[in-house]
Amino acid sequence: MSASAFLGFKTDLNHPLDPKLWLIVMRIHAGLACLAMICGAVNFAARIRIRHVKFHRFNGYLYVICVMLVGLTSGYMAPVATGGRSVSIAFNLLTMLWPAFTVIAVIQIRKKQMASHRKWMIRSYAFCFTNLVVHVLTWTIRTLAGSPYPVSYRISVFITIPLLLLIAELVIRTAWPGSAGSRRSADNNKP
């Protein structure tokens, strides 16, 4: 579905929507989210993280900037979210959680708490996939249940946020369980 077509599902708005401005903000939002996704994937690569620490740090700060700017653009888009006020509230919550998790990760690395930094980055990085998961679930719900797009979208948003948090916690507990003395635990403390 094109971004312009997506605008057609925005109904019951409390104030007029400038379609041109909304599309510009949405494209900036999507572009920055994609860049954050790439930066995050690169920084999780052990070879880069261990052998190219300066690049890892630079790329990490680029990720942080992208997340913060995605949050700013979300602040413009959330009040007119497809699905109404409840979806706006959910996206506003996400707009607070994602940057908060990212800032906590930065604080942890500044304290040299590598394992904690990695865990918070996993939580932060999970939110890079919000749009993808929302749209996959929306399509699935529409296909299986025949629900109208706005209803499917609303349900998908409410499933996606806790689902991504759950997936992040599963990754943390299975990929880096952090048991004392284990090889994985020792690797957790590498930059």
N, C-alpha and C. Protein backbone atom coordinates (compact mmCIF):
# COMPACT_ATOMS: atom_id res chain seq x y z
N MET A 1 0.85 -1.17 0.00
CA MET A 1 0.00 0.00 0.00
C MET A 1 0.90 1.24 0.00
N SER A 2 0.54 2.19 -0.83
CA SER A 2 1.33 3.43 -0.90
C SER A 2 1.01 4.32 0.30
N ALA A 3 1.95 5.22 0.58
CA ALA A 3 1.75 6.15 1.70
C ALA A 3 0.53 7.03 1.46
N SER A 4 0.33 7.44 0.21
CA SER A 4 -0.83 8.29 -0.11
C SER A 4 -2.13 7.54 0.14
N ALA A 5 -2.18 6.26 -0.24
CA ALA A 5 -3.38 5.45 -0.01
C ALA A 5 -3.62 5.26 1.48
N PHE A 6 -2.53 5.11 2.24
CA PHE A 6 -2.62 4.94 3.68
C PHE A 6 -3.33 6.13 4.33
N LEU A 7 -3.13 7.32 3.78
CA LEU A 7 -3.78 8.53 4.30
C LEU A 7 -5.30 8.43 4.24
N GLY A 8 -5.82 7.67 3.29
CA GLY A 8 -7.26 7.52 3.14
C GLY A 8 -7.93 6.85 4.33
N PHE A 9 -7.14 6.14 5.16
CA PHE A 9 -7.70 5.46 6.33
C PHE A 9 -7.71 6.34 7.57
N LYS A 10 -7.25 7.55 7.45
CA LYS A 10 -7.22 8.46 8.59
C LYS A 10 -8.56 9.19 8.66
N THR A 11 -9.42 8.73 9.53
CA THR A 11 -10.75 9.30 9.67
C THR A 11 -10.93 9.80 11.10
N ASP A 12 -12.00 10.52 11.32
CA ASP A 12 -12.35 11.03 12.65
C ASP A 12 -11.21 11.85 13.28
N LEU A 13 -10.57 12.68 12.47
CA LEU A 13 -9.48 13.50 12.98
C LEU A 13 -10.04 14.73 13.68
N ASN A 14 -9.40 15.14 14.76
CA ASN A 14 -9.84 16.31 15.52
C ASN A 14 -9.39 17.62 14.89
N HIS A 15 -8.42 17.55 14.00
CA HIS A 15 -7.93 18.75 13.32
C HIS A 15 -7.55 18.37 11.90
N PRO A 16 -7.52 19.36 10.99
CA PRO A 16 -7.22 19.05 9.60
C PRO A 16 -5.79 18.53 9.44
N LEU A 17 -5.63 17.66 8.48
CA LEU A 17 -4.33 17.05 8.19
C LEU A 17 -3.81 17.62 6.88
N ASP A 18 -2.58 18.10 6.87
CA ASP A 18 -1.93 18.58 5.66
C ASP A 18 -1.25 17.38 5.01
N PRO A 19 -1.85 16.80 3.95
CA PRO A 19 -1.30 15.57 3.37
C PRO A 19 0.15 15.70 2.90
N LYS A 20 0.50 16.84 2.28
CA LYS A 20 1.88 17.01 1.80
C LYS A 20 2.88 16.98 2.96
N LEU A 21 2.58 17.73 4.01
CA LEU A 21 3.47 17.77 5.17
C LEU A 21 3.53 16.40 5.84
N TRP A 22 2.37 15.75 5.99
CA TRP A 22 2.34 14.43 6.62
C TRP A 22 3.19 13.44 5.84
N LEU A 23 3.10 13.45 4.51
CA LEU A 23 3.89 12.53 3.69
C LEU A 23 5.39 12.81 3.82
N ILE A 24 5.77 14.09 3.89
CA ILE A 24 7.18 14.43 4.06
C ILE A 24 7.69 13.90 5.41
N VAL A 25 6.93 14.17 6.46
CA VAL A 25 7.32 13.72 7.80
C VAL A 25 7.37 12.20 7.85
N MET A 26 6.39 11.53 7.23
CA MET A 26 6.36 10.07 7.23
C MET A 26 7.57 9.50 6.51
N ARG A 27 7.97 10.11 5.39
CA ARG A 27 9.13 9.61 4.64
C ARG A 27 10.42 9.81 5.45
N ILE A 28 10.55 10.94 6.11
CA ILE A 28 11.71 11.17 6.97
C ILE A 28 11.71 10.13 8.10
N HIS A 29 10.55 9.93 8.71
CA HIS A 29 10.37 8.96 9.79
C HIS A 29 10.80 7.56 9.33
N ALA A 30 10.29 7.13 8.19
CA ALA A 30 10.60 5.79 7.68
C ALA A 30 12.07 5.67 7.31
N GLY A 31 12.62 6.70 6.67
CA GLY A 31 14.03 6.66 6.28
C GLY A 31 14.95 6.56 7.49
N LEU A 32 14.68 7.35 8.51
CA LEU A 32 15.50 7.31 9.72
C LEU A 32 15.35 5.98 10.45
N ALA A 33 14.13 5.43 10.47
CA ALA A 33 13.92 4.13 11.11
C ALA A 33 14.69 3.04 10.37
N CYS A 34 14.70 3.11 9.05
CA CYS A 34 15.48 2.13 8.26
C CYS A 34 16.97 2.28 8.52
N LEU A 35 17.45 3.52 8.60
CA LEU A 35 18.86 3.76 8.90
C LEU A 35 19.20 3.23 10.30
N ALA A 36 18.31 3.44 11.26
CA ALA A 36 18.52 2.89 12.61
C ALA A 36 18.59 1.37 12.56
N MET A 37 17.74 0.76 11.75
CA MET A 37 17.74 -0.69 11.62
C MET A 37 19.08 -1.20 11.08
N ILE A 38 19.62 -0.50 10.08
CA ILE A 38 20.91 -0.89 9.50
C ILE A 38 22.03 -0.67 10.51
N CYS A 39 22.05 0.50 11.15
CA CYS A 39 23.09 0.79 12.14
C CYS A 39 23.08 -0.25 13.27
N GLY A 40 21.90 -0.58 13.74
CA GLY A 40 21.79 -1.56 14.81
C GLY A 40 22.28 -2.92 14.40
N ALA A 41 21.90 -3.36 13.20
CA ALA A 41 22.34 -4.68 12.72
C ALA A 41 23.86 -4.72 12.61
N VAL A 42 24.44 -3.67 12.07
CA VAL A 42 25.90 -3.61 11.93
C VAL A 42 26.57 -3.65 13.30
N ASN A 43 26.04 -2.92 14.25
CA ASN A 43 26.67 -2.87 15.58
C ASN A 43 26.51 -4.14 16.39
N PHE A 44 25.56 -4.99 16.05
CA PHE A 44 25.45 -6.27 16.74
C PHE A 44 26.44 -7.29 16.20
N ALA A 45 27.05 -7.01 15.06
CA ALA A 45 28.05 -7.93 14.49
C ALA A 45 29.28 -7.95 15.40
N ALA A 46 29.62 -9.11 15.93
CA ALA A 46 30.72 -9.24 16.88
C ALA A 46 32.04 -8.74 16.30
N ARG A 47 32.31 -9.04 15.06
CA ARG A 47 33.58 -8.63 14.44
C ARG A 47 33.73 -7.11 14.48
N ILE A 48 32.70 -6.40 14.13
CA ILE A 48 32.76 -4.93 14.14
C ILE A 48 32.84 -4.42 15.57
N ARG A 49 32.03 -4.98 16.43
CA ARG A 49 31.99 -4.53 17.82
C ARG A 49 33.34 -4.70 18.51
N ILE A 50 34.04 -5.78 18.20
CA ILE A 50 35.30 -6.09 18.89
C ILE A 50 36.51 -5.48 18.18
N ARG A 51 36.56 -5.57 16.86
CA ARG A 51 37.75 -5.13 16.11
C ARG A 51 37.73 -3.66 15.71
N HIS A 52 36.57 -3.08 15.63
CA HIS A 52 36.45 -1.70 15.15
C HIS A 52 35.65 -0.88 16.17
N VAL A 53 36.22 -0.72 17.33
CA VAL A 53 35.52 -0.08 18.45
C VAL A 53 35.12 1.36 18.11
N LYS A 54 36.01 2.12 17.46
CA LYS A 54 35.68 3.51 17.13
C LYS A 54 34.51 3.58 16.15
N PHE A 55 34.51 2.69 15.15
CA PHE A 55 33.39 2.66 14.22
C PHE A 55 32.11 2.26 14.95
N HIS A 56 32.22 1.26 15.82
CA HIS A 56 31.06 0.80 16.60
C HIS A 56 30.47 1.97 17.40
N ARG A 57 31.34 2.75 18.01
CA ARG A 57 30.89 3.90 18.81
C ARG A 57 30.22 4.95 17.91
N PHE A 58 30.88 5.30 16.80
CA PHE A 58 30.31 6.28 15.86
C PHE A 58 28.95 5.80 15.34
N ASN A 59 28.91 4.55 14.92
CA ASN A 59 27.67 3.97 14.38
C ASN A 59 26.59 3.92 15.46
N GLY A 60 27.00 3.67 16.69
CA GLY A 60 26.05 3.66 17.80
C GLY A 60 25.44 5.03 18.03
N TYR A 61 26.26 6.06 17.95
CA TYR A 61 25.72 7.41 18.12
C TYR A 61 24.83 7.80 16.94
N LEU A 62 25.17 7.32 15.75
CA LEU A 62 24.29 7.55 14.60
C LEU A 62 22.93 6.89 14.84
N TYR A 63 22.95 5.67 15.40
CA TYR A 63 21.72 4.97 15.76
C TYR A 63 20.91 5.81 16.76
N VAL A 64 21.58 6.33 17.79
CA VAL A 64 20.90 7.15 18.81
C VAL A 64 20.25 8.37 18.17
N ILE A 65 20.97 9.05 17.30
CA ILE A 65 20.42 10.23 16.62
C ILE A 65 19.19 9.84 15.80
N CYS A 66 19.29 8.73 15.07
CA CYS A 66 18.14 8.27 14.27
C CYS A 66 16.93 8.00 15.16
N VAL A 67 17.14 7.30 16.27
CA VAL A 67 16.03 6.98 17.17
C VAL A 67 15.39 8.26 17.71
N MET A 68 16.21 9.23 18.10
CA MET A 68 15.66 10.48 18.63
C MET A 68 14.86 11.24 17.57
N LEU A 69 15.37 11.25 16.34
CA LEU A 69 14.65 11.94 15.27
C LEU A 69 13.39 11.19 14.86
N VAL A 70 13.43 9.87 14.91
CA VAL A 70 12.21 9.09 14.67
C VAL A 70 11.18 9.45 15.74
N GLY A 71 11.63 9.60 16.97
CA GLY A 71 10.73 10.01 18.05
C GLY A 71 10.10 11.37 17.79
N LEU A 72 10.90 12.31 17.30
CA LEU A 72 10.35 13.64 16.98
C LEU A 72 9.30 13.56 15.88
N THR A 73 9.59 12.81 14.83
CA THR A 73 8.62 12.69 13.74
C THR A 73 7.38 11.94 14.21
N SER A 74 7.57 11.00 15.12
CA SER A 74 6.42 10.27 15.68
C SER A 74 5.50 11.21 16.44
N GLY A 75 6.11 12.19 17.09
CA GLY A 75 5.31 13.17 17.82
C GLY A 75 4.35 13.92 16.92
N TYR A 76 4.74 14.11 15.66
CA TYR A 76 3.86 14.77 14.70
C TYR A 76 2.80 13.79 14.18
N MET A 77 3.21 12.55 13.94
CA MET A 77 2.31 11.60 13.28
C MET A 77 1.35 10.88 14.23
N ALA A 78 1.77 10.63 15.47
CA ALA A 78 0.95 9.85 16.39
C ALA A 78 -0.45 10.41 16.63
N PRO A 79 -0.63 11.73 16.77
CA PRO A 79 -1.98 12.23 17.02
C PRO A 79 -2.98 11.94 15.90
N VAL A 80 -2.50 11.65 14.71
CA VAL A 80 -3.40 11.35 13.59
C VAL A 80 -3.20 9.91 13.12
N ALA A 81 -2.87 9.02 14.05
CA ALA A 81 -2.62 7.62 13.70
C ALA A 81 -3.89 6.95 13.17
N THR A 82 -3.71 6.09 12.19
CA THR A 82 -4.81 5.28 11.68
C THR A 82 -5.30 4.40 12.83
N GLY A 83 -6.59 4.32 13.01
CA GLY A 83 -7.14 3.51 14.08
C GLY A 83 -7.65 4.32 15.25
N GLY A 84 -7.41 5.62 15.22
CA GLY A 84 -7.99 6.48 16.23
C GLY A 84 -7.14 6.75 17.45
N ARG A 85 -7.80 7.28 18.46
CA ARG A 85 -7.14 7.77 19.67
C ARG A 85 -6.37 6.67 20.40
N SER A 86 -6.92 5.48 20.49
CA SER A 86 -6.24 4.40 21.22
C SER A 86 -4.91 4.05 20.55
N VAL A 87 -4.88 4.08 19.23
CA VAL A 87 -3.63 3.81 18.51
C VAL A 87 -2.66 4.97 18.71
N SER A 88 -3.18 6.19 18.73
CA SER A 88 -2.33 7.36 19.01
C SER A 88 -1.66 7.22 20.37
N ILE A 89 -2.41 6.79 21.36
CA ILE A 89 -1.86 6.60 22.71
C ILE A 89 -0.78 5.53 22.69
N ALA A 90 -1.04 4.42 21.99
CA ALA A 90 -0.04 3.35 21.89
C ALA A 90 1.24 3.84 21.23
N PHE A 91 1.10 4.60 20.14
CA PHE A 91 2.29 5.13 19.47
C PHE A 91 3.00 6.17 20.32
N ASN A 92 2.26 6.96 21.09
CA ASN A 92 2.91 7.90 22.00
C ASN A 92 3.70 7.17 23.08
N LEU A 93 3.16 6.06 23.57
CA LEU A 93 3.90 5.23 24.53
C LEU A 93 5.19 4.72 23.90
N LEU A 94 5.09 4.23 22.69
CA LEU A 94 6.27 3.74 21.97
C LEU A 94 7.28 4.87 21.76
N THR A 95 6.78 6.07 21.48
CA THR A 95 7.64 7.23 21.27
C THR A 95 8.40 7.59 22.54
N MET A 96 7.90 7.19 23.69
CA MET A 96 8.62 7.40 24.95
C MET A 96 9.55 6.23 25.27
N LEU A 97 9.08 5.01 25.03
CA LEU A 97 9.87 3.82 25.38
C LEU A 97 11.14 3.68 24.54
N TRP A 98 11.02 3.82 23.23
CA TRP A 98 12.17 3.57 22.36
C TRP A 98 13.34 4.49 22.69
N PRO A 99 13.14 5.81 22.73
CA PRO A 99 14.27 6.67 23.12
C PRO A 99 14.74 6.41 24.55
N ALA A 100 13.82 6.10 25.46
CA ALA A 100 14.22 5.83 26.85
C ALA A 100 15.14 4.61 26.92
N PHE A 101 14.77 3.53 26.24
CA PHE A 101 15.62 2.33 26.22
C PHE A 101 16.98 2.65 25.62
N THR A 102 16.98 3.48 24.59
CA THR A 102 18.22 3.85 23.92
C THR A 102 19.11 4.68 24.84
N VAL A 103 18.53 5.64 25.53
CA VAL A 103 19.30 6.47 26.47
C VAL A 103 19.85 5.61 27.61
N ILE A 104 19.06 4.69 28.12
CA ILE A 104 19.54 3.79 29.17
C ILE A 104 20.74 3.00 28.66
N ALA A 105 20.68 2.53 27.42
CA ALA A 105 21.80 1.78 26.83
C ALA A 105 23.06 2.65 26.78
N VAL A 106 22.91 3.91 26.40
CA VAL A 106 24.06 4.82 26.35
C VAL A 106 24.62 5.04 27.75
N ILE A 107 23.76 5.24 28.72
CA ILE A 107 24.21 5.43 30.11
C ILE A 107 24.98 4.20 30.58
N GLN A 108 24.47 3.02 30.25
CA GLN A 108 25.13 1.79 30.68
C GLN A 108 26.53 1.64 30.07
N ILE A 109 26.69 1.99 28.81
CA ILE A 109 28.01 1.84 28.19
C ILE A 109 28.96 2.89 28.74
N ARG A 110 28.46 4.06 29.07
CA ARG A 110 29.33 5.09 29.68
C ARG A 110 29.81 4.65 31.06
N LYS A 111 29.02 3.80 31.72
CA LYS A 111 29.41 3.24 33.01
C LYS A 111 30.24 1.96 32.84
N LYS A 112 30.56 1.62 31.58
CA LYS A 112 31.35 0.42 31.25
C LYS A 112 30.60 -0.87 31.60
N GLN A 113 29.29 -0.82 31.59
CA GLN A 113 28.45 -1.99 31.86
C GLN A 113 28.04 -2.61 30.53
N MET A 114 28.99 -3.34 29.89
CA MET A 114 28.77 -3.84 28.54
C MET A 114 27.57 -4.78 28.43
N ALA A 115 27.44 -5.71 29.38
CA ALA A 115 26.34 -6.67 29.30
C ALA A 115 24.99 -5.95 29.41
N SER A 116 24.90 -5.01 30.33
CA SER A 116 23.66 -4.25 30.49
C SER A 116 23.40 -3.39 29.26
N HIS A 117 24.45 -2.78 28.72
CA HIS A 117 24.33 -1.98 27.50
C HIS A 117 23.74 -2.83 26.37
N ARG A 118 24.28 -4.02 26.19
CA ARG A 118 23.80 -4.89 25.11
C ARG A 118 22.33 -5.24 25.31
N LYS A 119 21.94 -5.55 26.53
CA LYS A 119 20.53 -5.90 26.80
C LYS A 119 19.60 -4.73 26.46
N TRP A 120 19.99 -3.52 26.86
CA TRP A 120 19.14 -2.37 26.56
C TRP A 120 19.14 -2.05 25.07
N MET A 121 20.25 -2.31 24.40
CA MET A 121 20.28 -2.10 22.95
C MET A 121 19.39 -3.12 22.24
N ILE A 122 19.34 -4.34 22.73
CA ILE A 122 18.44 -5.34 22.14
C ILE A 122 16.99 -4.87 22.31
N ARG A 123 16.66 -4.39 23.48
CA ARG A 123 15.30 -3.88 23.71
C ARG A 123 15.00 -2.70 22.78
N SER A 124 15.96 -1.80 22.67
CA SER A 124 15.79 -0.64 21.79
C SER A 124 15.66 -1.09 20.34
N TYR A 125 16.58 -1.95 19.92
CA TYR A 125 16.62 -2.37 18.51
C TYR A 125 15.34 -3.09 18.10
N ALA A 126 14.72 -3.79 19.01
CA ALA A 126 13.47 -4.50 18.68
C ALA A 126 12.43 -3.55 18.10
N PHE A 127 12.41 -2.30 18.59
CA PHE A 127 11.41 -1.35 18.11
C PHE A 127 11.67 -0.86 16.70
N CYS A 128 12.86 -1.13 16.15
CA CYS A 128 13.11 -0.81 14.73
C CYS A 128 12.15 -1.58 13.83
N PHE A 129 11.64 -2.68 14.32
CA PHE A 129 10.80 -3.56 13.51
C PHE A 129 9.30 -3.29 13.70
N THR A 130 8.95 -2.23 14.40
CA THR A 130 7.54 -1.94 14.68
C THR A 130 6.70 -1.87 13.42
N ASN A 131 7.10 -1.04 12.48
CA ASN A 131 6.30 -0.86 11.27
C ASN A 131 6.17 -2.17 10.48
N LEU A 132 7.26 -2.89 10.35
CA LEU A 132 7.23 -4.16 9.63
C LEU A 132 6.24 -5.13 10.27
N VAL A 133 6.35 -5.29 11.58
CA VAL A 133 5.48 -6.24 12.29
C VAL A 133 4.02 -5.78 12.24
N VAL A 134 3.79 -4.49 12.43
CA VAL A 134 2.41 -3.97 12.36
C VAL A 134 1.79 -4.30 11.01
N HIS A 135 2.52 -4.08 9.94
CA HIS A 135 1.94 -4.30 8.61
C HIS A 135 1.81 -5.78 8.26
N VAL A 136 2.73 -6.61 8.72
CA VAL A 136 2.58 -8.06 8.51
C VAL A 136 1.36 -8.57 9.27
N LEU A 137 1.20 -8.14 10.52
CA LEU A 137 0.03 -8.56 11.30
C LEU A 137 -1.26 -8.00 10.72
N THR A 138 -1.23 -6.75 10.26
CA THR A 138 -2.42 -6.16 9.66
C THR A 138 -2.86 -6.97 8.45
N TRP A 139 -1.91 -7.30 7.59
CA TRP A 139 -2.22 -8.10 6.40
C TRP A 139 -2.76 -9.47 6.82
N THR A 140 -2.13 -10.09 7.81
CA THR A 140 -2.55 -11.42 8.27
C THR A 140 -3.97 -11.37 8.83
N ILE A 141 -4.26 -10.39 9.67
CA ILE A 141 -5.60 -10.28 10.26
C ILE A 141 -6.64 -10.00 9.19
N ARG A 142 -6.31 -9.12 8.26
CA ARG A 142 -7.26 -8.82 7.17
C ARG A 142 -7.52 -10.06 6.33
N THR A 143 -6.46 -10.82 6.06
CA THR A 143 -6.59 -12.00 5.21
C THR A 143 -7.36 -13.11 5.93
N LEU A 144 -7.02 -13.37 7.17
CA LEU A 144 -7.64 -14.48 7.90
C LEU A 144 -9.03 -14.15 8.44
N ALA A 145 -9.21 -12.92 8.93
CA ALA A 145 -10.48 -12.57 9.58
C ALA A 145 -11.37 -11.69 8.71
N GLY A 146 -10.81 -11.14 7.64
CA GLY A 146 -11.59 -10.25 6.79
C GLY A 146 -11.96 -8.93 7.44
N SER A 147 -11.21 -8.54 8.45
CA SER A 147 -11.48 -7.28 9.16
C SER A 147 -11.16 -6.08 8.28
N PRO A 148 -11.87 -4.98 8.46
CA PRO A 148 -11.52 -3.76 7.74
C PRO A 148 -10.11 -3.30 8.13
N TYR A 149 -9.46 -2.58 7.23
CA TYR A 149 -8.08 -2.16 7.45
C TYR A 149 -7.88 -1.43 8.78
N PRO A 150 -8.68 -0.40 9.11
CA PRO A 150 -8.43 0.31 10.37
C PRO A 150 -8.53 -0.59 11.61
N VAL A 151 -9.45 -1.54 11.60
CA VAL A 151 -9.60 -2.46 12.73
C VAL A 151 -8.39 -3.39 12.81
N SER A 152 -7.99 -3.94 11.67
CA SER A 152 -6.82 -4.82 11.62
C SER A 152 -5.57 -4.08 12.06
N TYR A 153 -5.44 -2.85 11.62
CA TYR A 153 -4.27 -2.03 11.98
C TYR A 153 -4.25 -1.79 13.49
N ARG A 154 -5.39 -1.43 14.05
CA ARG A 154 -5.48 -1.17 15.50
C ARG A 154 -5.08 -2.41 16.29
N ILE A 155 -5.63 -3.54 15.94
CA ILE A 155 -5.30 -4.79 16.63
C ILE A 155 -3.80 -5.07 16.50
N SER A 156 -3.27 -4.86 15.32
CA SER A 156 -1.84 -5.13 15.07
C SER A 156 -0.93 -4.26 15.92
N VAL A 157 -1.28 -3.01 16.08
CA VAL A 157 -0.47 -2.10 16.91
C VAL A 157 -0.46 -2.60 18.35
N PHE A 158 -1.62 -3.00 18.85
CA PHE A 158 -1.70 -3.46 20.24
C PHE A 158 -1.01 -4.80 20.46
N ILE A 159 -0.87 -5.59 19.43
CA ILE A 159 -0.12 -6.84 19.53
C ILE A 159 1.37 -6.58 19.39
N THR A 160 1.75 -5.70 18.49
CA THR A 160 3.15 -5.50 18.13
C THR A 160 4.01 -5.00 19.28
N ILE A 161 3.57 -4.01 20.01
CA ILE A 161 4.43 -3.41 21.04
C ILE A 161 4.81 -4.44 22.11
N PRO A 162 3.85 -5.15 22.73
CA PRO A 162 4.27 -6.17 23.71
C PRO A 162 5.01 -7.35 23.05
N LEU A 163 4.64 -7.68 21.81
CA LEU A 163 5.32 -8.78 21.12
C LEU A 163 6.80 -8.47 20.92
N LEU A 164 7.12 -7.26 20.50
CA LEU A 164 8.53 -6.89 20.30
C LEU A 164 9.29 -6.87 21.63
N LEU A 165 8.64 -6.42 22.69
CA LEU A 165 9.28 -6.47 24.01
C LEU A 165 9.54 -7.91 24.43
N LEU A 166 8.58 -8.78 24.19
CA LEU A 166 8.73 -10.20 24.52
C LEU A 166 9.86 -10.83 23.72
N ILE A 167 9.91 -10.56 22.42
CA ILE A 167 10.97 -11.11 21.58
C ILE A 167 12.34 -10.62 22.06
N ALA A 168 12.44 -9.34 22.40
CA ALA A 168 13.71 -8.80 22.91
C ALA A 168 14.14 -9.54 24.17
N GLU A 169 13.21 -9.76 25.08
CA GLU A 169 13.55 -10.47 26.32
C GLU A 169 13.94 -11.91 26.04
N LEU A 170 13.29 -12.56 25.08
CA LEU A 170 13.67 -13.93 24.71
C LEU A 170 15.07 -13.96 24.12
N VAL A 171 15.40 -12.99 23.28
CA VAL A 171 16.75 -12.92 22.71
C VAL A 171 17.77 -12.71 23.83
N ILE A 172 17.49 -11.82 24.75
CA ILE A 172 18.40 -11.56 25.87
C ILE A 172 18.63 -12.83 26.68
N ARG A 173 17.57 -13.56 26.95
CA ARG A 173 17.68 -14.74 27.82
C ARG A 173 18.25 -15.96 27.10
N THR A 174 18.11 -16.03 25.78
CA THR A 174 18.64 -17.20 25.07
C THR A 174 19.99 -16.94 24.43
N ALA A 175 20.20 -15.77 23.87
CA ALA A 175 21.47 -15.48 23.20
C ALA A 175 22.55 -15.06 24.19
N TRP A 176 22.16 -14.34 25.25
CA TRP A 176 23.11 -13.87 26.26
C TRP A 176 22.53 -14.10 27.65
N PRO A 177 22.43 -15.36 28.06
CA PRO A 177 21.81 -15.61 29.35
C PRO A 177 22.60 -15.06 30.54
N GLY A 178 23.90 -14.79 30.34
CA GLY A 178 24.69 -14.13 31.38
C GLY A 178 24.98 -14.97 32.61
N SER A 179 25.02 -16.29 32.47
CA SER A 179 25.35 -17.10 33.63
C SER A 179 26.83 -16.91 33.97
N ALA A 180 27.12 -16.78 35.23
CA ALA A 180 28.49 -16.49 35.69
C ALA A 180 29.44 -17.60 35.26
N GLY A 181 30.59 -17.18 34.74
CA GLY A 181 31.63 -18.14 34.37
C GLY A 181 31.47 -18.75 33.00
N SER A 182 30.35 -18.52 32.34
CA SER A 182 30.18 -19.12 31.02
C SER A 182 30.94 -18.33 29.98
N ARG A 183 31.22 -18.97 28.86
CA ARG A 183 31.93 -18.31 27.76
C ARG A 183 31.10 -17.12 27.27
N ARG A 184 29.81 -17.31 27.15
CA ARG A 184 28.94 -16.22 26.69
C ARG A 184 28.97 -15.06 27.67
N SER A 185 29.01 -15.36 28.95
CA SER A 185 29.07 -14.30 29.94
C SER A 185 30.35 -13.50 29.81
N ALA A 186 31.46 -14.20 29.55
CA ALA A 186 32.74 -13.51 29.36
C ALA A 186 32.68 -12.62 28.13
N ASP A 187 32.02 -13.10 27.06
CA ASP A 187 31.90 -12.31 25.84
C ASP A 187 31.03 -11.08 26.07
N ASN A 188 30.10 -11.17 27.02
CA ASN A 188 29.23 -10.03 27.31
C ASN A 188 30.01 -8.81 27.76
N ASN A 189 31.16 -9.03 28.33
CA ASN A 189 31.93 -7.91 28.85
C ASN A 189 32.92 -7.35 27.86
N LYS A 190 32.93 -7.88 26.64
CA LYS A 190 33.75 -7.29 25.59
C LYS A 190 33.00 -6.12 25.00
N PRO A 191 33.73 -5.09 24.55
CA PRO A 191 33.03 -3.91 23.97
C PRO A 191 32.31 -4.24 22.71
